[in-house]
PDB file of N, CA and C in Angstrom:
ATOM      1  N   UNK A   1      -5.957   8.242  14.589  1.00  0.00           N
ATOM      2  CA  UNK A   1      -4.006   8.208  14.550  1.00  0.00           C
ATOM      3  C   UNK A   1      -3.524   8.092  13.281  1.00  0.00           C
ATOM      4  N   UNK A   2      -2.326   8.489  12.879  1.00  0.00           N
ATOM      5  CA  UNK A   2      -1.466   8.474  11.510  1.00  0.00           C
ATOM      6  C   UNK A   2      -0.746   7.789  11.559  1.00  0.00           C
ATOM      7  N   UNK A   3      -0.685   7.731  10.290  1.00  0.00           N
ATOM      8  CA  UNK A   3       0.864   6.630  10.471  1.00  0.00           C
ATOM      9  C   UNK A   3       2.211   6.997  11.101  1.00  0.00           C
ATOM     10  N   UNK A   4       3.148   7.236  11.617  1.00  0.00           N
ATOM     11  CA  UNK A   4       4.351   7.468  11.689  1.00  0.00           C
ATOM     12  C   UNK A   4       5.494   6.954  10.899  1.00  0.00           C
ATOM     13  N   UNK A   5       6.509   8.087  10.862  1.00  0.00           N
ATOM     14  CA  UNK A   5       7.553   7.470  10.074  1.00  0.00           C
ATOM     15  C   UNK A   5       8.532   6.319   9.930  1.00  0.00           C
ATOM     16  N   UNK A   6       8.357   5.602  11.383  1.00  0.00           N
ATOM     17  CA  UNK A   6       9.108   4.205  11.226  1.00  0.00           C
ATOM     18  C   UNK A   6       7.694   3.305  11.226  1.00  0.00           C
ATOM     19  N   UNK A   7       6.409   4.297  10.949  1.00  0.00           N
ATOM     20  CA  UNK A   7       5.527   3.360  10.685  1.00  0.00           C
ATOM     21  C   UNK A   7       5.370   2.803   8.794  1.00  0.00           C
ATOM     22  N   UNK A   8       5.420   4.288   8.658  1.00  0.00           N
ATOM     23  CA  UNK A   8       5.787   4.031   6.682  1.00  0.00           C
ATOM     24  C   UNK A   8       6.719   3.442   6.297  1.00  0.00           C
ATOM     25  N   UNK A   9       7.870   3.164   7.202  1.00  0.00           N
ATOM     26  CA  UNK A   9       9.338   2.989   6.322  1.00  0.00           C
ATOM     27  C   UNK A   9       9.253   1.490   6.634  1.00  0.00           C
ATOM     28  N   UNK A  10       8.730   0.203   7.302  1.00  0.00           N
ATOM     29  CA  UNK A  10       8.170  -0.939   7.434  1.00  0.00           C
ATOM     30  C   UNK A  10       7.130  -0.901   6.684  1.00  0.00           C
ATOM     31  N   UNK A  11       6.146  -0.190   6.285  1.00  0.00           N
ATOM     32  CA  UNK A  11       5.237  -0.654   5.790  1.00  0.00           C
ATOM     33  C   UNK A  11       5.415  -0.691   4.237  1.00  0.00           C
ATOM     34  N   UNK A  12       6.494   0.400   3.813  1.00  0.00           N
ATOM     35  CA  UNK A  12       7.372   0.271   2.396  1.00  0.00           C
ATOM     36  C   UNK A  12       8.154  -0.980   1.956  1.00  0.00           C
ATOM     37  N   UNK A  13       9.016  -1.165   3.825  1.00  0.00           N
ATOM     38  CA  UNK A  13       9.644  -2.664   2.827  1.00  0.00           C
ATOM     39  C   UNK A  13       8.921  -4.119   2.563  1.00  0.00           C
ATOM     40  N   UNK A  14       7.745  -3.843   3.263  1.00  0.00           N
ATOM     41  CA  UNK A  14       6.780  -5.189   2.910  1.00  0.00           C
ATOM     42  C   UNK A  14       5.788  -5.444   1.627  1.00  0.00           C
ATOM     43  N   UNK A  15       5.811  -6.055   0.896  1.00  0.00           N
ATOM     44  CA  UNK A  15       5.065  -6.787  -0.081  1.00  0.00           C
ATOM     45  C   UNK A  15       3.656  -6.844   0.079  1.00  0.00           C
ATOM     46  N   UNK A  16       2.682  -5.914  -0.885  1.00  0.00           N
ATOM     47  CA  UNK A  16       1.847  -5.490  -0.617  1.00  0.00           C
ATOM     48  C   UNK A  16       1.097  -6.831  -0.583  1.00  0.00           C
ATOM     49  N   UNK A  17       1.376  -7.434  -0.869  1.00  0.00           N
ATOM     50  CA  UNK A  17       0.702  -8.384  -0.756  1.00  0.00           C
ATOM     51  C   UNK A  17       0.499  -9.751   1.069  1.00  0.00           C
ATOM     52  N   UNK A  18       1.910  -9.220   2.154  1.00  0.00           N
ATOM     53  CA  UNK A  18       1.619  -9.022   3.686  1.00  0.00           C
ATOM     54  C   UNK A  18       1.523  -8.537   3.455  1.00  0.00           C
ATOM     55  N   UNK A  19       1.110  -7.137   3.494  1.00  0.00           N
ATOM     56  CA  UNK A  19       0.914  -6.789   4.198  1.00  0.00           C
ATOM     57  C   UNK A  19      -1.573  -6.526   3.763  1.00  0.00           C
ATOM     58  N   UNK A  20      -1.535  -6.847   3.475  1.00  0.00           N
ATOM     59  CA  UNK A  20      -3.281  -7.931   2.317  1.00  0.00           C
ATOM     60  C   UNK A  20      -3.062  -8.873   4.102  1.00  0.00           C
ATOM     61  N   UNK A  21      -2.649  -9.596   4.123  1.00  0.00           N
ATOM     62  CA  UNK A  21      -3.184 -10.855   5.083  1.00  0.00           C
ATOM     63  C   UNK A  21      -2.606 -10.661   6.188  1.00  0.00           C
ATOM     64  N   UNK A  22      -1.945  -9.511   6.919  1.00  0.00           N
ATOM     65  CA  UNK A  22      -1.767  -8.769   7.759  1.00  0.00           C
ATOM     66  C   UNK A  22      -3.466  -8.176   7.723  1.00  0.00           C
ATOM     67  N   UNK A  23      -3.879  -7.712   7.505  1.00  0.00           N
ATOM     68  CA  UNK A  23      -5.131  -6.834   7.750  1.00  0.00           C
ATOM     69  C   UNK A  23      -6.297  -7.971   7.561  1.00  0.00           C
ATOM     70  N   UNK A  24      -6.193  -8.655   7.444  1.00  0.00           N
ATOM     71  CA  UNK A  24      -7.120 -10.129   7.376  1.00  0.00           C
ATOM     72  C   UNK A  24      -7.066 -10.449   8.968  1.00  0.00           C
ATOM     73  N   UNK A  25      -6.066 -10.328   9.511  1.00  0.00           N
ATOM     74  CA  UNK A  25      -6.158 -10.466  10.936  1.00  0.00           C
ATOM     75  C   UNK A  25      -6.664 -10.072  11.926  1.00  0.00           C
ATOM     76  N   UNK A  26      -6.087  -8.531  12.010  1.00  0.00           N
ATOM     77  CA  UNK A  26      -7.173  -7.541  12.024  1.00  0.00           C
ATOM     78  C   UNK A  26      -8.865  -7.524  12.093  1.00  0.00           C
ATOM     79  N   UNK A  27      -9.693  -6.863  13.162  1.00  0.00           N
ATOM     80  CA  UNK A  27     -10.835  -6.481  12.734  1.00  0.00           C
ATOM     81  C   UNK A  27     -11.994  -5.567  12.052  1.00  0.00           C
ATOM     82  N   UNK A  28     -13.031  -6.297  11.262  1.00  0.00           N
ATOM     83  CA  UNK A  28     -13.804  -4.950  10.512  1.00  0.00           C
ATOM     84  C   UNK A  28     -13.338  -3.272  10.593  1.00  0.00           C
ATOM     85  N   UNK A  29     -13.545  -3.217  11.947  1.00  0.00           N
ATOM     86  CA  UNK A  29     -13.850  -1.294  12.183  1.00  0.00           C
ATOM     87  C   UNK A  29     -12.034  -0.913  11.836  1.00  0.00           C
ATOM     88  N   UNK A  30     -12.134   0.064  11.486  1.00  0.00           N
ATOM     89  CA  UNK A  30     -10.898   0.601  10.818  1.00  0.00           C
ATOM     90  C   UNK A  30      -9.893   1.409  11.592  1.00  0.00           C
ATOM     91  N   UNK A  31     -10.350   1.670  13.074  1.00  0.00           N
ATOM     92  CA  UNK A  31      -9.948   1.818  14.268  1.00  0.00           C
ATOM     93  C   UNK A  31      -9.620   0.576  15.059  1.00  0.00           C
ATOM     94  N   UNK A  32      -9.539  -0.904  14.466  1.00  0.00           N
ATOM     95  CA  UNK A  32      -8.850  -1.821  14.693  1.00  0.00           C
ATOM     96  C   UNK A  32      -7.599  -1.710  15.007  1.00  0.00           C
ATOM     97  N   UNK A  33      -6.257  -2.561  15.662  1.00  0.00           N
ATOM     98  CA  UNK A  33      -4.850  -2.501  15.423  1.00  0.00           C
ATOM     99  C   UNK A  33      -4.922  -3.528  14.357  1.00  0.00           C
ATOM    100  N   UNK A  34      -3.318  -3.577  13.791  1.00  0.00           N
ATOM    101  CA  UNK A  34      -3.475  -4.448  12.725  1.00  0.00           C
ATOM    102  C   UNK A  34      -2.454  -5.168  13.490  1.00  0.00           C
ATOM    103  N   UNK A  35      -2.182  -6.508  13.506  1.00  0.00           N
ATOM    104  CA  UNK A  35      -1.365  -7.633  14.181  1.00  0.00           C
ATOM    105  C   UNK A  35      -0.245  -8.009  13.376  1.00  0.00           C
ATOM    106  N   UNK A  36       0.443  -7.750  14.284  1.00  0.00           N
ATOM    107  CA  UNK A  36       2.273  -7.477  13.315  1.00  0.00           C
ATOM    108  C   UNK A  36       2.502  -6.810  12.535  1.00  0.00           C
ATOM    109  N   UNK A  37       1.791  -5.589  12.413  1.00  0.00           N
ATOM    110  CA  UNK A  37       2.154  -5.056  12.440  1.00  0.00           C
ATOM    111  C   UNK A  37       3.421  -3.095  12.902  1.00  0.00           C
ATOM    112  N   UNK A  38       4.097  -2.952  13.122  1.00  0.00           N
ATOM    113  CA  UNK A  38       5.027  -1.881  13.881  1.00  0.00           C
ATOM    114  C   UNK A  38       4.960  -1.861  15.522  1.00  0.00           C
ATOM    115  N   UNK A  39       4.633  -1.222  16.206  1.00  0.00           N
ATOM    116  CA  UNK A  39       4.281  -1.469  17.344  1.00  0.00           C
ATOM    117  C   UNK A  39       3.396  -1.658  17.992  1.00  0.00           C
ATOM    118  N   UNK A  40       2.273  -2.242  17.700  1.00  0.00           N
ATOM    119  CA  UNK A  40       1.229  -2.664  17.835  1.00  0.00           C
ATOM    120  C   UNK A  40       0.572  -1.531  17.694  1.00  0.00           C
ATOM    121  N   UNK A  41       0.674  -0.570  16.870  1.00  0.00           N
ATOM    122  CA  UNK A  41      -0.427   0.629  17.273  1.00  0.00           C
ATOM    123  C   UNK A  41      -0.904   0.961  15.684  1.00  0.00           C
ATOM    124  N   UNK A  42      -0.344  -0.021  14.785  1.00  0.00           N
ATOM    125  CA  UNK A  42      -1.119   0.421  13.636  1.00  0.00           C
ATOM    126  C   UNK A  42      -2.360   0.685  12.996  1.00  0.00           C
ATOM    127  N   UNK A  43      -3.268   1.277  12.667  1.00  0.00           N
ATOM    128  CA  UNK A  43      -4.614   1.291  12.882  1.00  0.00           C
ATOM    129  C   UNK A  43      -5.241   0.278  10.973  1.00  0.00           C
ATOM    130  N   UNK A  44      -6.035   0.048  11.309  1.00  0.00           N
ATOM    131  CA  UNK A  44      -6.937  -0.909   9.691  1.00  0.00           C
ATOM    132  C   UNK A  44      -7.087   0.238   8.886  1.00  0.00           C
ATOM    133  N   UNK A  45      -7.395   1.282   9.523  1.00  0.00           N
ATOM    134  CA  UNK A  45      -8.135   1.907   8.247  1.00  0.00           C
ATOM    135  C   UNK A  45      -6.713   2.998   7.874  1.00  0.00           C
ATOM    136  N   UNK A  46      -5.948   3.264   8.562  1.00  0.00           N
ATOM    137  CA  UNK A  46      -4.411   4.281   8.468  1.00  0.00           C
ATOM    138  C   UNK A  46      -4.245   2.919   7.341  1.00  0.00           C
ATOM    139  N   UNK A  47      -3.984   1.964   7.761  1.00  0.00           N
ATOM    140  CA  UNK A  47      -3.064   0.675   7.117  1.00  0.00           C
ATOM    141  C   UNK A  47      -3.703   1.044   5.772  1.00  0.00           C
ATOM    142  N   UNK A  48      -5.224   0.431   5.115  1.00  0.00           N
ATOM    143  CA  UNK A  48      -5.767   0.375   4.133  1.00  0.00           C
ATOM    144  C   UNK A  48      -5.838   1.546   3.489  1.00  0.00           C
ATOM    145  N   UNK A  49      -6.038   3.108   3.923  1.00  0.00           N
ATOM    146  CA  UNK A  49      -5.640   4.003   3.379  1.00  0.00           C
ATOM    147  C   UNK A  49      -3.416   4.148   2.231  1.00  0.00           C
ATOM    148  N   UNK A  50      -3.051   3.682   2.898  1.00  0.00           N
ATOM    149  CA  UNK A  50      -2.194   3.630   2.547  1.00  0.00           C
ATOM    150  C   UNK A  50      -2.125   3.166   1.328  1.00  0.00           C
ATOM    151  N   UNK A  51      -2.688   1.435   1.805  1.00  0.00           N
ATOM    152  CA  UNK A  51      -2.086   0.883   0.703  1.00  0.00           C
ATOM    153  C   UNK A  51      -2.385   1.150  -0.558  1.00  0.00           C
ATOM    154  N   UNK A  52      -3.815   1.688  -0.743  1.00  0.00           N
ATOM    155  CA  UNK A  52      -4.662   2.065  -1.777  1.00  0.00           C
ATOM    156  C   UNK A  52      -4.055   3.409  -1.828  1.00  0.00           C
ATOM    157  N   UNK A  53      -3.218   3.827  -1.800  1.00  0.00           N
ATOM    158  CA  UNK A  53      -2.574   4.820  -2.771  1.00  0.00           C
ATOM    159  C   UNK A  53      -1.412   4.150  -2.837  1.00  0.00           C
ATOM    160  N   UNK A  54      -0.549   2.812  -3.210  1.00  0.00           N
ATOM    161  CA  UNK A  54       0.236   2.764  -3.298  1.00  0.00           C
ATOM    162  C   UNK A  54      -0.563   2.015  -4.370  1.00  0.00           C
ATOM    163  N   UNK A  55      -1.431   2.025  -4.490  1.00  0.00           N
ATOM    164  CA  UNK A  55      -2.367   0.699  -5.414  1.00  0.00           C
ATOM    165  C   UNK A  55      -2.596   1.935  -6.274  1.00  0.00           C
ATOM    166  N   UNK A  56      -2.818   3.228  -6.358  1.00  0.00           N
ATOM    167  CA  UNK A  56      -2.837   4.166  -7.383  1.00  0.00           C
ATOM    168  C   UNK A  56      -1.794   4.465  -7.871  1.00  0.00           C
ATOM    169  N   UNK A  57      -0.642   5.445  -7.034  1.00  0.00           N
ATOM    170  CA  UNK A  57       0.505   5.395  -8.211  1.00  0.00           C
ATOM    171  C   UNK A  57       0.712   4.202  -8.621  1.00  0.00           C
ATOM    172  N   UNK A  58       1.124   3.110  -8.428  1.00  0.00           N
ATOM    173  CA  UNK A  58       1.317   2.047  -9.283  1.00  0.00           C
ATOM    174  C   UNK A  58       0.806   1.996 -10.422  1.00  0.00           C
ATOM    175  N   UNK A  59      -0.713   1.206 -10.133  1.00  0.00           N
ATOM    176  CA  UNK A  59      -1.398   1.712 -11.833  1.00  0.00           C
ATOM    177  C   UNK A  59      -1.663   2.981 -12.517  1.00  0.00           C
ATOM    178  N   UNK A  60      -1.371   4.594 -11.966  1.00  0.00           N
ATOM    179  CA  UNK A  60      -0.963   5.913 -12.743  1.00  0.00           C
ATOM    180  C   UNK A  60       0.411   5.696 -12.941  1.00  0.00           C
ATOM    181  N   UNK A  61       1.642   5.252 -13.140  1.00  0.00           N
ATOM    182  CA  UNK A  61       2.263   4.569 -13.177  1.00  0.00           C
ATOM    183  C   UNK A  61       2.539   4.269 -14.335  1.00  0.00           C
ATOM    184  N   UNK A  62       2.435   2.778 -14.507  1.00  0.00           N
ATOM    185  CA  UNK A  62       2.008   2.967 -15.671  1.00  0.00           C
ATOM    186  C   UNK A  62       1.407   3.019 -17.071  1.00  0.00           C
ATOM    187  N   UNK A  63       0.020   3.301 -16.448  1.00  0.00           N
ATOM    188  CA  UNK A  63      -0.560   4.211 -17.371  1.00  0.00           C
ATOM    189  C   UNK A  63       0.757   5.210 -17.917  1.00  0.00           C
ATOM    190  N   UNK A  64       1.278   5.504 -17.280  1.00  0.00           N
ATOM    191  CA  UNK A  64       1.906   6.932 -17.945  1.00  0.00           C
ATOM    192  C   UNK A  64       3.995   5.893 -18.385  1.00  0.00           C
ATOM    193  N   UNK A  65       3.940   4.699 -17.702  1.00  0.00           N
ATOM    194  CA  UNK A  65       4.995   4.249 -18.768  1.00  0.00           C
ATOM    195  C   UNK A  65       3.977   3.562 -20.176  1.00  0.00           C
ATOM    196  N   UNK A  66       2.831   3.412 -19.860  1.00  0.00           N
ATOM    197  CA  UNK A  66       2.282   2.638 -21.136  1.00  0.00           C
ATOM    198  C   UNK A  66       1.395   3.646 -21.825  1.00  0.00           C
ATOM    199  N   UNK A  67       1.738   5.023 -21.768  1.00  0.00           N
ATOM    200  CA  UNK A  67       1.550   5.963 -22.751  1.00  0.00           C
ATOM    201  C   UNK A  67       3.029   6.769 -23.366  1.00  0.00           C
ATOM    202  N   UNK A  68       3.664   6.402 -22.508  1.00  0.00           N
ATOM    203  CA  UNK A  68       5.790   6.688 -23.578  1.00  0.00           C
ATOM    204  C   UNK A  68       5.749   5.711 -24.082  1.00  0.00           C
ATOM    205  N   UNK A  69       5.570   4.533 -23.688  1.00  0.00           N
ATOM    206  CA  UNK A  69       5.899   2.635 -24.420  1.00  0.00           C
ATOM    207  C   UNK A  69       5.083   2.590 -25.889  1.00  0.00           C
ATOM    208  N   UNK A  70       4.043   2.752 -25.930  1.00  0.00           N
ATOM    209  CA  UNK A  70       3.484   2.707 -27.220  1.00  0.00           C
ATOM    210  C   UNK A  70       3.715   2.800 -29.120  1.00  0.00           C
ATOM    211  N   UNK A  71       3.893   4.611 -28.555  1.00  0.00           N
ATOM    212  CA  UNK A  71       4.253   5.321 -29.254  1.00  0.00           C
ATOM    213  C   UNK A  71       5.602   3.900 -30.455  1.00  0.00           C
ATOM    214  N   UNK A  72       7.014   3.842 -29.370  1.00  0.00           N
ATOM    215  CA  UNK A  72       8.367   3.392 -29.572  1.00  0.00           C
ATOM    216  C   UNK A  72       7.465   1.829 -29.954  1.00  0.00           C
ATOM    217  N   UNK A  73       6.802   0.991 -29.199  1.00  0.00           N
ATOM    218  CA  UNK A  73       6.536  -0.345 -29.521  1.00  0.00           C
ATOM    219  C   UNK A  73       5.820  -0.251 -31.230  1.00  0.00           C
ATOM    220  N   UNK A  74       4.839   0.378 -31.838  1.00  0.00           N
ATOM    221  CA  UNK A  74       4.169   0.928 -32.891  1.00  0.00           C
ATOM    222  C   UNK A  74       5.291   1.497 -34.035  1.00  0.00           C
ATOM    223  N   UNK A  75       5.970   1.711 -33.730  1.00  0.00           N
ATOM    224  CA  UNK A  75       7.177   2.408 -34.571  1.00  0.00           C
ATOM    225  C   UNK A  75       8.344   0.820 -34.970  1.00  0.00           C
ATOM    226  N   UNK A  76       8.337   0.520 -33.667  1.00  0.00           N
ATOM    227  CA  UNK A  76       9.339  -1.431 -34.112  1.00  0.00           C
ATOM    228  C   UNK A  76       9.215  -2.164 -35.380  1.00  0.00           C
TER     229      UNK A  76
END
């Protein structure tokens, strides 16, 4: 089962550390329900995949920003 638009909206509003804490309460199986998220139907595997995507996106953005900021900082 994939995440619905309302699930995605809820996840986007939560800090990643909160999501990680909720994942700690879910079973280890990717099909385990993550308690305290959405309507009780978000699965661990879906939430973990979404969270990994967010961390990758942030990492890519930081790397890109670093490439643009480095020449400016070096010139100062």
